[in-house]
Protein backbone atom coordinates (compact mmCIF):
# COMPACT_ATOMS: atom_id res chain seq x y z
CA UNK A 1 159.17 -38.28 55.15
CA UNK A 2 158.14 -35.01 53.56
CA UNK A 3 160.35 -31.95 53.07
CA UNK A 4 159.30 -28.30 53.13
CA UNK A 5 161.05 -25.08 52.25
CA UNK A 6 161.04 -21.70 53.91
CA UNK A 7 163.76 -19.80 52.08
CA UNK A 8 163.58 -16.15 51.10
CA UNK A 9 161.66 -17.02 47.93
CA UNK A 10 158.67 -18.34 49.89
CA UNK A 11 158.35 -15.44 52.36
CA UNK A 12 155.82 -12.62 51.94
CA UNK A 13 157.16 -9.04 52.17
CA UNK A 14 155.31 -6.77 54.60
CA UNK A 15 155.63 -3.02 54.04
CA UNK A 16 152.40 -1.51 55.39
CA UNK A 17 152.23 0.52 58.61
CA UNK A 18 155.90 1.52 58.45
CA UNK A 19 156.98 -2.14 58.40
CA UNK A 20 159.87 -3.62 56.44
CA UNK A 21 160.19 -7.39 56.97
CA UNK A 22 159.17 -10.73 55.54
CA UNK A 23 156.87 -13.33 57.05
CA UNK A 24 156.69 -17.05 56.37
CA UNK A 25 153.76 -18.81 58.09
CA UNK A 26 154.85 -22.19 59.52
CA UNK A 27 152.16 -24.07 61.44
CA UNK A 28 148.54 -23.42 62.40
CA UNK A 29 146.69 -25.71 64.78
CA UNK A 30 142.91 -25.56 64.43
CA UNK A 31 142.82 -21.89 65.34
CA UNK A 32 144.43 -22.52 68.76
CA UNK A 33 147.79 -21.15 67.73
CA UNK A 34 149.91 -20.34 64.72
CA UNK A 35 153.61 -19.84 64.10
CA UNK A 36 155.53 -17.79 61.57
CA UNK A 37 159.13 -16.99 60.75
CA UNK A 38 159.80 -13.25 60.59
CA UNK A 39 162.95 -11.95 58.97
CA UNK A 40 164.09 -8.37 59.38
CA UNK A 41 166.89 -7.27 57.06
CA UNK A 42 169.23 -4.35 57.65
CA UNK A 43 167.14 -1.54 59.23
CA UNK A 44 164.11 -3.87 59.30
CA UNK A 45 160.98 -2.95 61.23
CA UNK A 46 157.83 -4.71 62.39
CA UNK A 47 155.83 -1.50 62.73
CA UNK A 48 154.17 -0.30 65.90
CA UNK A 49 150.89 -2.21 66.20
CA UNK A 50 148.51 -3.76 68.70
CA UNK A 51 148.74 -7.51 69.36
CA UNK A 52 145.55 -9.16 68.07
CA UNK A 53 146.26 -12.18 70.30
CA UNK A 54 148.95 -13.04 72.88
CA UNK A 55 152.27 -13.66 71.15
CA UNK A 56 155.80 -14.80 71.83
CA UNK A 57 158.70 -13.58 69.68
CA UNK A 58 161.69 -15.97 69.85
CA UNK A 59 164.90 -14.48 68.42
CA UNK A 60 166.72 -17.21 66.49
CA UNK A 61 169.49 -15.16 64.88
CA UNK A 62 170.72 -11.59 64.89
CA UNK A 63 169.69 -8.78 67.19
CA UNK A 64 167.44 -5.77 67.48
CA UNK A 65 165.18 -3.88 69.86
CA UNK A 66 161.58 -4.21 71.00
CA UNK A 67 159.26 -1.79 72.75
CA UNK A 68 155.74 -1.61 74.16
CA UNK A 69 153.46 1.34 74.89
CA UNK A 70 156.22 3.12 76.80
CA UNK A 71 158.22 3.24 73.53
CA UNK A 72 161.44 2.50 75.42
CA UNK A 73 163.42 0.22 73.09
CA UNK A 74 165.03 -2.74 74.85
CA UNK A 75 167.77 -4.81 73.16
CA UNK A 76 167.04 -8.42 72.15
CA UNK A 77 169.39 -10.92 70.56
CA UNK A 78 169.70 -14.55 69.55
CA UNK A 79 168.58 -16.70 72.49
CA UNK A 80 166.04 -14.25 73.90
CA UNK A 81 162.26 -14.15 73.70
CA UNK A 82 159.58 -11.52 74.38
CA UNK A 83 155.89 -12.00 75.28
CA UNK A 84 153.17 -9.48 74.46
CA UNK A 85 149.63 -9.90 75.72
CA UNK A 86 146.52 -9.31 73.62
CA UNK A 87 145.95 -5.62 73.03
CA UNK A 88 149.51 -4.61 73.93
CA UNK A 89 151.08 -2.12 71.50
CA UNK A 90 154.60 -3.02 70.39
CA UNK A 91 157.30 -2.69 67.75
CA UNK A 92 160.40 -4.64 66.72
CA UNK A 93 163.44 -3.13 64.96
CA UNK A 94 166.82 -4.34 63.77
CA UNK A 95 169.75 -2.34 62.43
CA UNK A 96 171.81 -5.33 61.26
CA UNK A 97 169.14 -8.00 60.74
CA UNK A 98 167.22 -10.52 62.81
CA UNK A 99 165.28 -13.75 62.35
CA UNK A 100 162.54 -14.64 64.83
CA UNK A 101 159.90 -17.31 65.28
CA UNK A 102 156.54 -15.90 66.40
CA UNK A 103 154.10 -18.14 68.25
CA UNK A 104 150.65 -16.64 68.79
CA UNK A 105 147.18 -17.70 69.79
CA UNK A 106 144.10 -16.59 71.68
CA UNK A 107 144.75 -19.02 74.54
CA UNK A 108 148.53 -18.48 74.84
CA UNK A 109 149.49 -17.31 78.34
CA UNK A 110 152.76 -16.58 80.10
CA UNK A 111 152.23 -19.83 82.04
CA UNK A 112 152.57 -21.76 78.75
CA UNK A 113 156.12 -20.47 78.22
CA UNK A 114 158.72 -22.94 79.50
CA UNK A 115 161.71 -20.62 79.09
CA UNK A 116 163.61 -18.98 81.94
CA UNK A 117 162.94 -15.29 82.60
CA UNK A 118 165.71 -12.79 83.10
């Protein structure tokens, strides 16, 4: 058995491009996919940017909003997930704080997601 930590002290702060959040990489699998924990504090922002690869944001705790090119912010909360395709512009915000797991990879498709849509 081997233990790992991913507390606040191990996360990297991101402040470029209007962002204000921390990221903690979790797992990378031979370039096929990678995962990271993203934590947005009070008034946190993952700034408006283009997805380099398809990605799934899974909200583990808290709440916030997400948008795409239309810039219409849609609420998300614990228990919800959002998929963005490669090249899609998007942003994530939280007034009160949010923790999310991001899964991304060149070959990730909507068909790979086993969650129910709503």
